[in-house]
């Protein structure tokens, strides 16, 4: 069963050259919508909506956390 999860990502500056969002789309069977994002030389921030199977979204979160990205799941 597909889930829809809204998240904020906080991306440290040392990852600014990494194709983080592109990798999620390429490597996982989910739909990703970028609602809003802002990046500078210091850090990045993105508000995303992920749609997919719960176990796949959990794997995305694990990959992001392992890279050093902070995740805040938004509740409606």
PDB file of N, CA and C in Angstrom:
ATOM      1  N   UNK A   1       0.841  -1.184   0.000  1.00  0.00           N
ATOM      2  CA  UNK A   1       0.000   0.000   0.000  1.00  0.00           C
ATOM      3  C   UNK A   1       0.886   1.247   0.000  1.00  0.00           C
ATOM      4  N   UNK A   2       0.584   2.158  -0.880  1.00  0.00           N
ATOM      5  CA  UNK A   2       1.392   3.379  -0.978  1.00  0.00           C
ATOM      6  C   UNK A   2       1.066   4.348   0.140  1.00  0.00           C
ATOM      7  N   UNK A   3       2.111   5.038   0.568  1.00  0.00           N
ATOM      8  CA  UNK A   3       1.974   6.097   1.566  1.00  0.00           C
ATOM      9  C   UNK A   3       2.408   7.409   0.951  1.00  0.00           C
ATOM     10  N   UNK A   4       1.911   8.495   1.521  1.00  0.00           N
ATOM     11  CA  UNK A   4       2.354   9.832   1.159  1.00  0.00           C
ATOM     12  C   UNK A   4       2.987  10.424   2.411  1.00  0.00           C
ATOM     13  N   UNK A   5       4.263  10.806   2.296  1.00  0.00           N
ATOM     14  CA  UNK A   5       4.998  11.333   3.438  1.00  0.00           C
ATOM     15  C   UNK A   5       5.579  12.690   3.059  1.00  0.00           C
ATOM     16  N   UNK A   6       5.314  13.690   3.904  1.00  0.00           N
ATOM     17  CA  UNK A   6       5.862  15.033   3.706  1.00  0.00           C
ATOM     18  C   UNK A   6       7.050  15.196   4.651  1.00  0.00           C
ATOM     19  N   UNK A   7       8.172  15.644   4.096  1.00  0.00           N
ATOM     20  CA  UNK A   7       9.385  15.772   4.904  1.00  0.00           C
ATOM     21  C   UNK A   7      10.121  17.060   4.588  1.00  0.00           C
ATOM     22  N   UNK A   8      10.868  17.512   5.576  1.00  0.00           N
ATOM     23  CA  UNK A   8      11.847  18.573   5.372  1.00  0.00           C
ATOM     24  C   UNK A   8      13.213  17.935   5.498  1.00  0.00           C
ATOM     25  N   UNK A   9      14.073  18.223   4.546  1.00  0.00           N
ATOM     26  CA  UNK A   9      15.455  17.759   4.595  1.00  0.00           C
ATOM     27  C   UNK A   9      16.346  18.947   4.907  1.00  0.00           C
ATOM     28  N   UNK A  10      17.312  18.733   5.778  1.00  0.00           N
ATOM     29  CA  UNK A  10      18.312  19.739   6.096  1.00  0.00           C
ATOM     30  C   UNK A  10      19.656  19.159   5.673  1.00  0.00           C
ATOM     31  N   UNK A  11      20.249  19.761   4.646  1.00  0.00           N
ATOM     32  CA  UNK A  11      21.425  19.202   3.998  1.00  0.00           C
ATOM     33  C   UNK A  11      22.648  20.045   4.357  1.00  0.00           C
ATOM     34  N   UNK A  12      23.661  19.423   4.989  1.00  0.00           N
ATOM     35  CA  UNK A  12      24.853  20.184   5.358  1.00  0.00           C
ATOM     36  C   UNK A  12      25.644  20.639   4.136  1.00  0.00           C
ATOM     37  N   UNK A  13      26.378  21.723   4.301  1.00  0.00           N
ATOM     38  CA  UNK A  13      27.132  22.316   3.196  1.00  0.00           C
ATOM     39  C   UNK A  13      28.105  21.380   2.515  1.00  0.00           C
ATOM     40  N   UNK A  14      28.684  20.452   3.274  1.00  0.00           N
ATOM     41  CA  UNK A  14      29.661  19.540   2.660  1.00  0.00           C
ATOM     42  C   UNK A  14      29.023  18.575   1.662  1.00  0.00           C
ATOM     43  N   UNK A  15      27.700  18.514   1.646  1.00  0.00           N
ATOM     44  CA  UNK A  15      26.997  17.659   0.681  1.00  0.00           C
ATOM     45  C   UNK A  15      26.416  18.441  -0.489  1.00  0.00           C
ATOM     46  N   UNK A  16      26.745  19.714  -0.591  1.00  0.00           N
ATOM     47  CA  UNK A  16      26.105  20.554  -1.612  1.00  0.00           C
ATOM     48  C   UNK A  16      26.391  20.116  -3.048  1.00  0.00           C
ATOM     49  N   UNK A  17      27.473  19.406  -3.270  1.00  0.00           N
ATOM     50  CA  UNK A  17      27.797  18.929  -4.617  1.00  0.00           C
ATOM     51  C   UNK A  17      27.218  17.538  -4.898  1.00  0.00           C
ATOM     52  N   UNK A  18      26.597  16.909  -3.910  1.00  0.00           N
ATOM     53  CA  UNK A  18      26.020  15.574  -4.057  1.00  0.00           C
ATOM     54  C   UNK A  18      24.645  15.653  -4.730  1.00  0.00           C
ATOM     55  N   UNK A  19      24.356  14.758  -5.656  1.00  0.00           N
ATOM     56  CA  UNK A  19      23.031  14.741  -6.301  1.00  0.00           C
ATOM     57  C   UNK A  19      22.009  13.973  -5.458  1.00  0.00           C
ATOM     58  N   UNK A  20      21.749  14.457  -4.254  1.00  0.00           N
ATOM     59  CA  UNK A  20      20.947  13.730  -3.277  1.00  0.00           C
ATOM     60  C   UNK A  20      19.532  13.446  -3.783  1.00  0.00           C
ATOM     61  N   UNK A  21      18.847  14.455  -4.251  1.00  0.00           N
ATOM     62  CA  UNK A  21      17.468  14.267  -4.700  1.00  0.00           C
ATOM     63  C   UNK A  21      17.424  13.440  -5.979  1.00  0.00           C
ATOM     64  N   UNK A  22      18.343  13.676  -6.866  1.00  0.00           N
ATOM     65  CA  UNK A  22      18.423  12.880  -8.101  1.00  0.00           C
ATOM     66  C   UNK A  22      18.646  11.408  -7.782  1.00  0.00           C
ATOM     67  N   UNK A  23      19.535  11.112  -6.826  1.00  0.00           N
ATOM     68  CA  UNK A  23      19.803   9.723  -6.446  1.00  0.00           C
ATOM     69  C   UNK A  23      18.559   9.038  -5.896  1.00  0.00           C
ATOM     70  N   UNK A  24      17.760   9.766  -5.129  1.00  0.00           N
ATOM     71  CA  UNK A  24      16.524   9.180  -4.593  1.00  0.00           C
ATOM     72  C   UNK A  24      15.610   8.761  -5.742  1.00  0.00           C
ATOM     73  N   UNK A  25      15.442   9.643  -6.706  1.00  0.00           N
ATOM     74  CA  UNK A  25      14.549   9.366  -7.828  1.00  0.00           C
ATOM     75  C   UNK A  25      15.069   8.198  -8.669  1.00  0.00           C
ATOM     76  N   UNK A  26      16.387   8.156  -8.892  1.00  0.00           N
ATOM     77  CA  UNK A  26      16.972   7.097  -9.717  1.00  0.00           C
ATOM     78  C   UNK A  26      16.984   5.743  -9.033  1.00  0.00           C
ATOM     79  N   UNK A  27      17.220   5.722  -7.737  1.00  0.00           N
ATOM     80  CA  UNK A  27      17.500   4.458  -7.049  1.00  0.00           C
ATOM     81  C   UNK A  27      16.307   3.824  -6.345  1.00  0.00           C
ATOM     82  N   UNK A  28      15.206   4.543  -6.238  1.00  0.00           N
ATOM     83  CA  UNK A  28      14.064   4.019  -5.492  1.00  0.00           C
ATOM     84  C   UNK A  28      12.789   4.174  -6.293  1.00  0.00           C
ATOM     85  N   UNK A  29      11.883   3.238  -6.114  1.00  0.00           N
ATOM     86  CA  UNK A  29      10.604   3.253  -6.821  1.00  0.00           C
ATOM     87  C   UNK A  29       9.608   4.104  -6.033  1.00  0.00           C
ATOM     88  N   UNK A  30       9.822   5.412  -6.078  1.00  0.00           N
ATOM     89  CA  UNK A  30       8.917   6.353  -5.421  1.00  0.00           C
ATOM     90  C   UNK A  30       8.682   7.542  -6.342  1.00  0.00           C
ATOM     91  N   UNK A  31       7.646   8.290  -6.026  1.00  0.00           N
ATOM     92  CA  UNK A  31       7.409   9.570  -6.684  1.00  0.00           C
ATOM     93  C   UNK A  31       7.826  10.644  -5.696  1.00  0.00           C
ATOM     94  N   UNK A  32       8.588  11.596  -6.172  1.00  0.00           N
ATOM     95  CA  UNK A  32       9.099  12.661  -5.317  1.00  0.00           C
ATOM     96  C   UNK A  32       8.670  14.003  -5.898  1.00  0.00           C
ATOM     97  N   UNK A  33       8.047  14.818  -5.065  1.00  0.00           N
ATOM     98  CA  UNK A  33       7.631  16.159  -5.477  1.00  0.00           C
ATOM     99  C   UNK A  33       8.403  17.160  -4.620  1.00  0.00           C
ATOM    100  N   UNK A  34       9.087  18.089  -5.268  1.00  0.00           N
ATOM    101  CA  UNK A  34       9.770  19.165  -4.551  1.00  0.00           C
ATOM    102  C   UNK A  34       8.776  20.303  -4.398  1.00  0.00           C
ATOM    103  N   UNK A  35       8.362  20.571  -3.169  1.00  0.00           N
ATOM    104  CA  UNK A  35       7.401  21.636  -2.901  1.00  0.00           C
ATOM    105  C   UNK A  35       8.128  22.970  -2.810  1.00  0.00           C
ATOM    106  N   UNK A  36       9.252  22.959  -2.109  1.00  0.00           N
ATOM    107  CA  UNK A  36      10.030  24.177  -1.912  1.00  0.00           C
ATOM    108  C   UNK A  36      11.440  23.761  -1.546  1.00  0.00           C
ATOM    109  N   UNK A  37      12.428  24.559  -1.950  1.00  0.00           N
ATOM    110  CA  UNK A  37      13.813  24.255  -1.600  1.00  0.00           C
ATOM    111  C   UNK A  37      14.643  25.529  -1.641  1.00  0.00           C
ATOM    112  N   UNK A  38      15.706  25.517  -0.848  1.00  0.00           N
ATOM    113  CA  UNK A  38      16.626  26.640  -0.812  1.00  0.00           C
ATOM    114  C   UNK A  38      18.019  26.095  -0.505  1.00  0.00           C
ATOM    115  N   UNK A  39      18.995  26.529  -1.284  1.00  0.00           N
ATOM    116  CA  UNK A  39      20.361  26.075  -1.096  1.00  0.00           C
ATOM    117  C   UNK A  39      21.308  27.267  -1.126  1.00  0.00           C
ATOM    118  N   UNK A  40      22.316  27.197  -0.277  1.00  0.00           N
ATOM    119  CA  UNK A  40      23.357  28.221  -0.261  1.00  0.00           C
ATOM    120  C   UNK A  40      24.698  27.509  -0.159  1.00  0.00           C
ATOM    121  N   UNK A  41      25.771  28.257  -0.016  1.00  0.00           N
ATOM    122  CA  UNK A  41      27.078  27.627   0.142  1.00  0.00           C
ATOM    123  C   UNK A  41      27.227  26.970   1.503  1.00  0.00           C
ATOM    124  N   UNK A  42      26.393  27.368   2.461  1.00  0.00           N
ATOM    125  CA  UNK A  42      26.485  26.839   3.829  1.00  0.00           C
ATOM    126  C   UNK A  42      25.665  25.566   4.034  1.00  0.00           C
ATOM    127  N   UNK A  43      24.487  25.512   3.437  1.00  0.00           N
ATOM    128  CA  UNK A  43      23.603  24.371   3.677  1.00  0.00           C
ATOM    129  C   UNK A  43      22.449  24.397   2.675  1.00  0.00           C
ATOM    130  N   UNK A  44      21.602  23.382   2.787  1.00  0.00           N
ATOM    131  CA  UNK A  44      20.426  23.319   1.930  1.00  0.00           C
ATOM    132  C   UNK A  44      19.231  22.855   2.722  1.00  0.00           C
ATOM    133  N   UNK A  45      18.082  23.156   2.188  1.00  0.00           N
ATOM    134  CA  UNK A  45      16.827  22.790   2.827  1.00  0.00           C
ATOM    135  C   UNK A  45      15.843  22.456   1.716  1.00  0.00           C
ATOM    136  N   UNK A  46      15.062  21.404   1.909  1.00  0.00           N
ATOM    137  CA  UNK A  46      14.068  21.041   0.907  1.00  0.00           C
ATOM    138  C   UNK A  46      12.830  20.480   1.589  1.00  0.00           C
ATOM    139  N   UNK A  47      11.678  20.878   1.103  1.00  0.00           N
ATOM    140  CA  UNK A  47      10.397  20.337   1.553  1.00  0.00           C
ATOM    141  C   UNK A  47       9.898  19.437   0.438  1.00  0.00           C
ATOM    142  N   UNK A  48       9.785  18.136   0.719  1.00  0.00           N
ATOM    143  CA  UNK A  48       9.442  17.148  -0.288  1.00  0.00           C
ATOM    144  C   UNK A  48       8.196  16.376   0.099  1.00  0.00           C
ATOM    145  N   UNK A  49       7.511  15.855  -0.920  1.00  0.00           N
ATOM    146  CA  UNK A  49       6.421  14.912  -0.705  1.00  0.00           C
ATOM    147  C   UNK A  49       6.834  13.625  -1.418  1.00  0.00           C
ATOM    148  N   UNK A  50       6.944  12.540  -0.645  1.00  0.00           N
ATOM    149  CA  UNK A  50       7.327  11.243  -1.183  1.00  0.00           C
ATOM    150  C   UNK A  50       6.098  10.339  -1.212  1.00  0.00           C
ATOM    151  N   UNK A  51       5.897   9.644  -2.316  1.00  0.00           N
ATOM    152  CA  UNK A  51       4.801   8.697  -2.442  1.00  0.00           C
ATOM    153  C   UNK A  51       5.383   7.355  -2.862  1.00  0.00           C
ATOM    154  N   UNK A  52       5.085   6.330  -2.063  1.00  0.00           N
ATOM    155  CA  UNK A  52       5.586   4.996  -2.382  1.00  0.00           C
ATOM    156  C   UNK A  52       5.317   4.034  -1.254  1.00  0.00           C
ATOM    157  N   UNK A  53       5.832   2.833  -1.390  1.00  0.00           N
ATOM    158  CA  UNK A  53       5.671   1.815  -0.363  1.00  0.00           C
ATOM    159  C   UNK A  53       6.453   2.226   0.884  1.00  0.00           C
ATOM    160  N   UNK A  54       5.902   1.941   2.055  1.00  0.00           N
ATOM    161  CA  UNK A  54       6.511   2.352   3.312  1.00  0.00           C
ATOM    162  C   UNK A  54       7.939   1.837   3.447  1.00  0.00           C
ATOM    163  N   UNK A  55       8.168   0.574   3.098  1.00  0.00           N
ATOM    164  CA  UNK A  55       9.514   0.027   3.249  1.00  0.00           C
ATOM    165  C   UNK A  55      10.519   0.719   2.325  1.00  0.00           C
ATOM    166  N   UNK A  56      10.073   1.157   1.169  1.00  0.00           N
ATOM    167  CA  UNK A  56      10.966   1.876   0.248  1.00  0.00           C
ATOM    168  C   UNK A  56      11.267   3.269   0.798  1.00  0.00           C
ATOM    169  N   UNK A  57      10.261   3.951   1.298  1.00  0.00           N
ATOM    170  CA  UNK A  57      10.475   5.281   1.886  1.00  0.00           C
ATOM    171  C   UNK A  57      11.397   5.164   3.094  1.00  0.00           C
ATOM    172  N   UNK A  58      11.235   4.120   3.900  1.00  0.00           N
ATOM    173  CA  UNK A  58      12.136   3.907   5.043  1.00  0.00           C
ATOM    174  C   UNK A  58      13.580   3.721   4.586  1.00  0.00           C
ATOM    175  N   UNK A  59      13.782   3.017   3.471  1.00  0.00           N
ATOM    176  CA  UNK A  59      15.146   2.843   2.937  1.00  0.00           C
ATOM    177  C   UNK A  59      15.719   4.172   2.449  1.00  0.00           C
ATOM    178  N   UNK A  60      14.874   5.013   1.856  1.00  0.00           N
ATOM    179  CA  UNK A  60      15.317   6.355   1.445  1.00  0.00           C
ATOM    180  C   UNK A  60      15.789   7.128   2.670  1.00  0.00           C
ATOM    181  N   UNK A  61      15.000   7.105   3.742  1.00  0.00           N
ATOM    182  CA  UNK A  61      15.373   7.827   4.966  1.00  0.00           C
ATOM    183  C   UNK A  61      16.684   7.304   5.530  1.00  0.00           C
ATOM    184  N   UNK A  62      16.874   5.993   5.531  1.00  0.00           N
ATOM    185  CA  UNK A  62      18.118   5.405   6.035  1.00  0.00           C
ATOM    186  C   UNK A  62      19.309   5.894   5.223  1.00  0.00           C
ATOM    187  N   UNK A  63      19.173   5.911   3.898  1.00  0.00           N
ATOM    188  CA  UNK A  63      20.264   6.383   3.038  1.00  0.00           C
ATOM    189  C   UNK A  63      20.584   7.846   3.334  1.00  0.00           C
ATOM    190  N   UNK A  64      19.557   8.666   3.459  1.00  0.00           N
ATOM    191  CA  UNK A  64      19.772  10.090   3.717  1.00  0.00           C
ATOM    192  C   UNK A  64      20.455  10.320   5.068  1.00  0.00           C
ATOM    193  N   UNK A  65      19.984   9.647   6.089  1.00  0.00           N
ATOM    194  CA  UNK A  65      20.580   9.795   7.425  1.00  0.00           C
ATOM    195  C   UNK A  65      22.032   9.326   7.409  1.00  0.00           C
ATOM    196  N   UNK A  66      22.308   8.219   6.721  1.00  0.00           N
ATOM    197  CA  UNK A  66      23.685   7.717   6.615  1.00  0.00           C
ATOM    198  C   UNK A  66      24.605   8.728   5.943  1.00  0.00           C
ATOM    199  N   UNK A  67      24.061   9.538   5.034  1.00  0.00           N
ATOM    200  CA  UNK A  67      24.856  10.568   4.355  1.00  0.00           C
ATOM    201  C   UNK A  67      25.054  11.809   5.212  1.00  0.00           C
ATOM    202  N   UNK A  68      24.255  11.959   6.281  1.00  0.00           N
ATOM    203  CA  UNK A  68      24.364  13.136   7.134  1.00  0.00           C
ATOM    204  C   UNK A  68      23.254  14.151   6.955  1.00  0.00           C
ATOM    205  N   UNK A  69      22.202  13.760   6.239  1.00  0.00           N
ATOM    206  CA  UNK A  69      21.052  14.635   6.020  1.00  0.00           C
ATOM    207  C   UNK A  69      20.088  14.471   7.204  1.00  0.00           C
ATOM    208  N   UNK A  70      19.619  15.585   7.753  1.00  0.00           N
ATOM    209  CA  UNK A  70      18.610  15.537   8.812  1.00  0.00           C
ATOM    210  C   UNK A  70      17.233  15.540   8.174  1.00  0.00           C
ATOM    211  N   UNK A  71      16.327  14.759   8.759  1.00  0.00           N
ATOM    212  CA  UNK A  71      14.980  14.617   8.218  1.00  0.00           C
ATOM    213  C   UNK A  71      13.976  14.945   9.306  1.00  0.00           C
ATOM    214  N   UNK A  72      12.994  15.761   8.934  1.00  0.00           N
ATOM    215  CA  UNK A  72      11.867  16.035   9.821  1.00  0.00           C
ATOM    216  C   UNK A  72      10.596  15.668   9.089  1.00  0.00           C
ATOM    217  N   UNK A  73       9.898  14.663   9.602  1.00  0.00           N
ATOM    218  CA  UNK A  73       8.636  14.238   8.992  1.00  0.00           C
ATOM    219  C   UNK A  73       7.545  15.210   9.448  1.00  0.00           C
ATOM    220  N   UNK A  74       6.796  15.728   8.494  1.00  0.00           N
ATOM    221  CA  UNK A  74       5.761  16.709   8.769  1.00  0.00           C
ATOM    222  C   UNK A  74       4.425  16.001   8.937  1.00  0.00           C
ATOM    223  N   UNK A  75       3.713  16.332   9.970  1.00  0.00           N
ATOM    224  CA  UNK A  75       2.384  15.782  10.206  1.00  0.00           C
ATOM    225  C   UNK A  75       1.347  16.818   9.775  1.00  0.00           C
ATOM    226  N   UNK A  76       0.300  16.357   9.141  1.00  0.00           N
ATOM    227  CA  UNK A  76      -0.782  17.266   8.733  1.00  0.00           C
ATOM    228  C   UNK A  76      -1.804  17.410   9.824  1.00  0.00           C
TER     229      UNK A  76
END
